[in-house]
Amino acid sequence: MDTGNGSMASLASQICNHIASIFSKPSIHPPALDLMVAELASIASQKGRVFLYGVGREGLMLKALCMRLAHLGLSAHFVFDMTTPPITSKDLLVASAGPGGFSTVDAICSVARSHGGRVLLLTAQPETGSSVKHANVVAYVAAQTMADDGGGEKSRTLLPMGSVYEGAMFVLFEMVVYKLGEVLGESPEAIRARHTNLE
């Protein structure tokens, strides 16, 4: 099916505009960008480690963030990777439960807290989610998830299920990497030098 360049540009604009609108919604919660940069900068200053965990496409977005945090010079690890070290009281777990809770996210956050780790939870359900009770800090991402996508709609939506939340995560994480790089004083050359050469 040939959609044409004009149609592609239109679809891309609609998707990007929808995701951008997430970050201009009024909220009583502190900006997720500020919370994440502050938490990550604090861990970096203490030479602590950062652990990341999420399920499905949320997990993929967190894996992308994990890579960039390593490029910024942080000791960053995705939970369940074979080389993941133990979490300690000097460390931070960044987890995501867009719809509010997943049994595995709840369990991982609980284990992190039991070992003294600090937990930053990303979610679109900051008041009602089961994972919130395990978090020291809750970063609110005001986007549609599987919890509120309507499910029974007959017409196709451009961004179904949790796509809005997951797209917002990617954009948020790019902002976090940019701002955190500034805070840490990391040059583009230093960041690039940490990229793997085993490709």
Protein backbone atom coordinates (compact mmCIF):
# COMPACT_ATOMS: atom_id res chain seq x y z
CA MET A 1 0.00 0.00 0.00
CA ASP A 2 1.53 3.30 -1.15
CA THR A 3 0.67 6.03 1.37
CA GLY A 4 2.68 8.75 -0.41
CA ASN A 5 5.12 11.21 1.11
CA GLY A 6 2.39 13.77 1.88
CA SER A 7 0.37 11.20 3.78
CA MET A 8 3.46 10.02 5.65
CA ALA A 9 4.30 13.57 6.68
CA SER A 10 0.73 14.13 7.82
CA LEU A 11 0.66 10.94 9.90
CA ALA A 12 4.06 11.76 11.40
CA SER A 13 2.89 15.27 12.32
CA GLN A 14 -0.27 13.94 13.94
CA ILE A 15 1.69 11.41 16.00
CA CYS A 16 4.38 13.90 17.04
CA ASN A 17 1.81 16.57 17.91
CA HIS A 18 -0.19 14.13 19.99
CA ILE A 19 2.88 13.07 21.96
CA ALA A 20 4.09 16.69 22.35
CA SER A 21 0.69 17.66 23.80
CA ILE A 22 1.31 15.28 26.72
CA PHE A 23 3.99 17.62 28.04
CA SER A 24 1.81 20.74 28.00
CA LYS A 25 -1.11 19.33 29.99
CA PRO A 26 -1.69 21.17 33.29
CA SER A 27 -0.83 19.02 36.30
CA ILE A 28 -0.61 19.20 40.07
CA HIS A 29 2.37 16.85 39.87
CA PRO A 30 5.98 18.04 39.52
CA PRO A 31 7.36 17.70 35.98
CA ALA A 32 8.67 14.20 35.29
CA LEU A 33 11.71 15.71 33.54
CA ASP A 34 12.78 17.63 36.65
CA LEU A 35 12.25 14.63 38.93
CA MET A 36 14.21 12.26 36.73
CA VAL A 37 17.14 14.61 36.19
CA ALA A 38 17.38 15.37 39.92
CA GLU A 39 17.26 11.70 40.92
CA LEU A 40 19.76 10.58 38.29
CA ALA A 41 22.15 13.46 38.99
CA SER A 42 22.05 12.63 42.70
CA ILE A 43 22.87 8.97 42.08
CA ALA A 44 25.68 9.95 39.70
CA SER A 45 27.19 12.29 42.30
CA GLN A 46 27.17 9.46 44.87
CA LYS A 47 28.70 6.99 42.39
CA GLY A 48 25.60 4.82 42.76
CA ARG A 49 24.17 2.53 40.13
CA VAL A 50 20.96 2.88 38.13
CA PHE A 51 18.71 -0.10 37.48
CA LEU A 52 15.85 0.05 35.00
CA TYR A 53 12.82 -2.17 34.56
CA GLY A 54 9.59 -2.26 32.59
CA VAL A 55 7.51 -4.77 30.69
CA GLY A 56 6.64 -4.94 27.00
CA ARG A 57 7.15 -1.76 24.98
CA GLU A 58 7.66 0.22 28.19
CA GLY A 59 10.63 -2.04 28.86
CA LEU A 60 12.02 -1.34 25.39
CA MET A 61 11.90 2.41 26.06
CA LEU A 62 13.72 1.86 29.37
CA LYS A 63 16.37 -0.25 27.64
CA ALA A 64 17.00 2.68 25.29
CA LEU A 65 17.37 4.98 28.31
CA CYS A 66 19.69 2.47 29.98
CA MET A 67 22.01 2.62 26.97
CA ARG A 68 22.12 6.41 26.98
CA LEU A 69 22.76 6.56 30.74
CA ALA A 70 25.77 4.29 30.16
CA HIS A 71 26.91 6.66 27.41
CA LEU A 72 26.67 9.49 29.97
CA GLY A 73 29.04 7.55 32.22
CA LEU A 74 26.56 6.16 34.74
CA SER A 75 26.66 2.54 35.86
CA ALA A 76 23.33 1.54 34.29
CA HIS A 77 21.77 -1.94 34.22
CA PHE A 78 18.54 -3.40 32.93
CA VAL A 79 16.97 -5.82 35.43
CA PHE A 80 17.29 -9.49 34.41
CA ASP A 81 20.33 -8.91 32.18
CA MET A 82 22.91 -11.59 32.99
CA THR A 83 25.46 -9.04 34.23
CA THR A 84 23.09 -7.06 36.50
CA PRO A 85 24.74 -6.55 39.91
CA PRO A 86 22.87 -6.50 43.24
CA ILE A 87 21.06 -3.30 44.22
CA THR A 88 22.19 -1.48 47.36
CA SER A 89 21.20 1.56 49.40
CA LYS A 90 23.35 3.78 47.13
CA ASP A 91 21.37 2.83 44.04
CA LEU A 92 18.24 3.84 42.11
CA LEU A 93 15.66 1.70 40.35
CA VAL A 94 13.75 3.45 37.55
CA ALA A 95 10.63 1.43 36.77
CA SER A 96 7.54 2.00 34.66
CA ALA A 97 3.94 0.90 35.13
CA GLY A 98 1.98 3.04 32.70
CA PRO A 99 -1.44 1.58 33.55
CA GLY A 100 -0.59 1.78 37.25
CA GLY A 101 0.72 -1.64 38.07
CA PHE A 102 2.08 -4.94 36.81
CA SER A 103 2.76 -7.88 39.10
CA THR A 104 6.41 -8.08 38.01
CA VAL A 105 6.97 -4.31 38.39
CA ASP A 106 5.38 -4.41 41.86
CA ALA A 107 7.65 -7.31 42.83
CA ILE A 108 10.87 -5.77 41.47
CA CYS A 109 10.14 -2.42 43.15
CA SER A 110 9.41 -4.19 46.43
CA VAL A 111 12.68 -6.15 46.26
CA ALA A 112 14.63 -2.97 45.45
CA ARG A 113 13.13 -1.20 48.47
CA SER A 114 13.81 -4.19 50.75
CA HIS A 115 17.52 -3.87 49.91
CA GLY A 116 17.56 -0.13 50.59
CA GLY A 117 17.38 0.99 46.97
CA ARG A 118 15.53 4.11 45.97
CA VAL A 119 12.63 3.67 43.50
CA LEU A 120 11.49 6.15 40.87
CA LEU A 121 8.27 5.01 39.22
CA LEU A 122 6.96 6.33 35.92
CA THR A 123 3.20 5.99 35.54
CA ALA A 124 0.06 7.50 34.05
CA GLN A 125 -1.92 6.45 37.16
CA PRO A 126 -0.15 8.17 40.08
CA GLU A 127 -3.08 7.93 42.50
CA THR A 128 -4.49 4.46 41.89
CA GLY A 129 -1.72 2.21 40.61
CA SER A 130 -0.53 -0.75 42.66
CA SER A 131 3.14 0.03 41.93
CA VAL A 132 2.94 3.53 43.44
CA LYS A 133 3.10 2.21 47.02
CA HIS A 134 6.61 0.89 46.37
CA ALA A 135 8.00 4.19 45.01
CA ASN A 136 10.02 6.89 46.74
CA VAL A 137 9.33 9.20 43.81
CA VAL A 138 6.49 9.09 41.28
CA ALA A 139 6.98 10.68 37.86
CA TYR A 140 3.62 11.33 36.25
CA VAL A 141 3.36 10.92 32.47
CA ALA A 142 -0.12 12.14 31.51
CA ALA A 143 -0.66 9.80 28.58
CA GLN A 144 -3.16 7.17 27.49
CA THR A 145 -2.24 3.59 28.40
CA MET A 146 -3.92 0.20 28.11
CA ALA A 147 -5.83 1.16 31.29
CA ASP A 148 -7.82 3.89 29.54
CA ASP A 149 -7.63 3.33 25.78
CA GLY A 150 -11.33 2.50 25.46
CA GLY A 151 -10.70 -1.06 24.34
CA GLY A 152 -14.02 -1.57 22.60
CA GLU A 153 -13.77 1.16 19.98
CA LYS A 154 -14.84 0.11 16.49
CA SER A 155 -12.69 2.61 14.57
CA ARG A 156 -8.89 2.36 14.48
CA THR A 157 -6.95 4.99 16.37
CA LEU A 158 -3.60 6.29 15.18
CA LEU A 159 -1.93 5.47 18.52
CA PRO A 160 -3.68 2.43 20.03
CA MET A 161 -3.39 0.87 23.46
CA GLY A 162 -0.27 2.17 25.24
CA SER A 163 1.41 3.77 22.23
CA VAL A 164 0.89 7.34 23.46
CA TYR A 165 2.51 6.57 26.82
CA GLU A 166 5.36 4.64 25.23
CA GLY A 167 6.02 7.40 22.69
CA ALA A 168 5.95 9.96 25.50
CA MET A 169 8.50 7.86 27.40
CA PHE A 170 10.89 7.96 24.45
CA VAL A 171 10.59 11.75 24.12
CA LEU A 172 10.86 12.27 27.90
CA PHE A 173 13.99 10.13 28.04
CA GLU A 174 15.64 12.09 25.23
CA MET A 175 14.97 15.28 27.22
CA VAL A 176 16.36 13.62 30.36
CA VAL A 177 19.56 12.58 28.57
CA TYR A 178 20.03 16.10 27.18
CA LYS A 179 19.45 17.85 30.52
CA LEU A 180 21.41 15.29 32.55
CA GLY A 181 24.34 15.61 30.15
CA GLU A 182 24.35 19.35 30.86
CA VAL A 183 24.23 18.81 34.64
CA LEU A 184 27.04 16.24 34.52
CA GLY A 185 29.13 18.36 32.15
CA GLU A 186 29.41 15.56 29.59
CA SER A 187 30.66 16.63 26.17
CA PRO A 188 29.37 15.04 22.94
CA GLU A 189 32.86 13.62 22.41
CA ALA A 190 32.91 11.94 25.84
CA ILE A 191 29.44 10.49 25.28
CA ARG A 192 30.37 9.19 21.82
CA ALA A 193 33.59 7.64 23.17
CA ARG A 194 31.53 5.34 25.43
CA HIS A 195 29.55 3.90 22.52
CA THR A 196 30.33 0.27 21.79
CA ASN A 197 32.71 -0.56 18.96
CA LEU A 198 31.63 -4.22 18.85
CA GLU A 199 29.29 -3.71 15.92
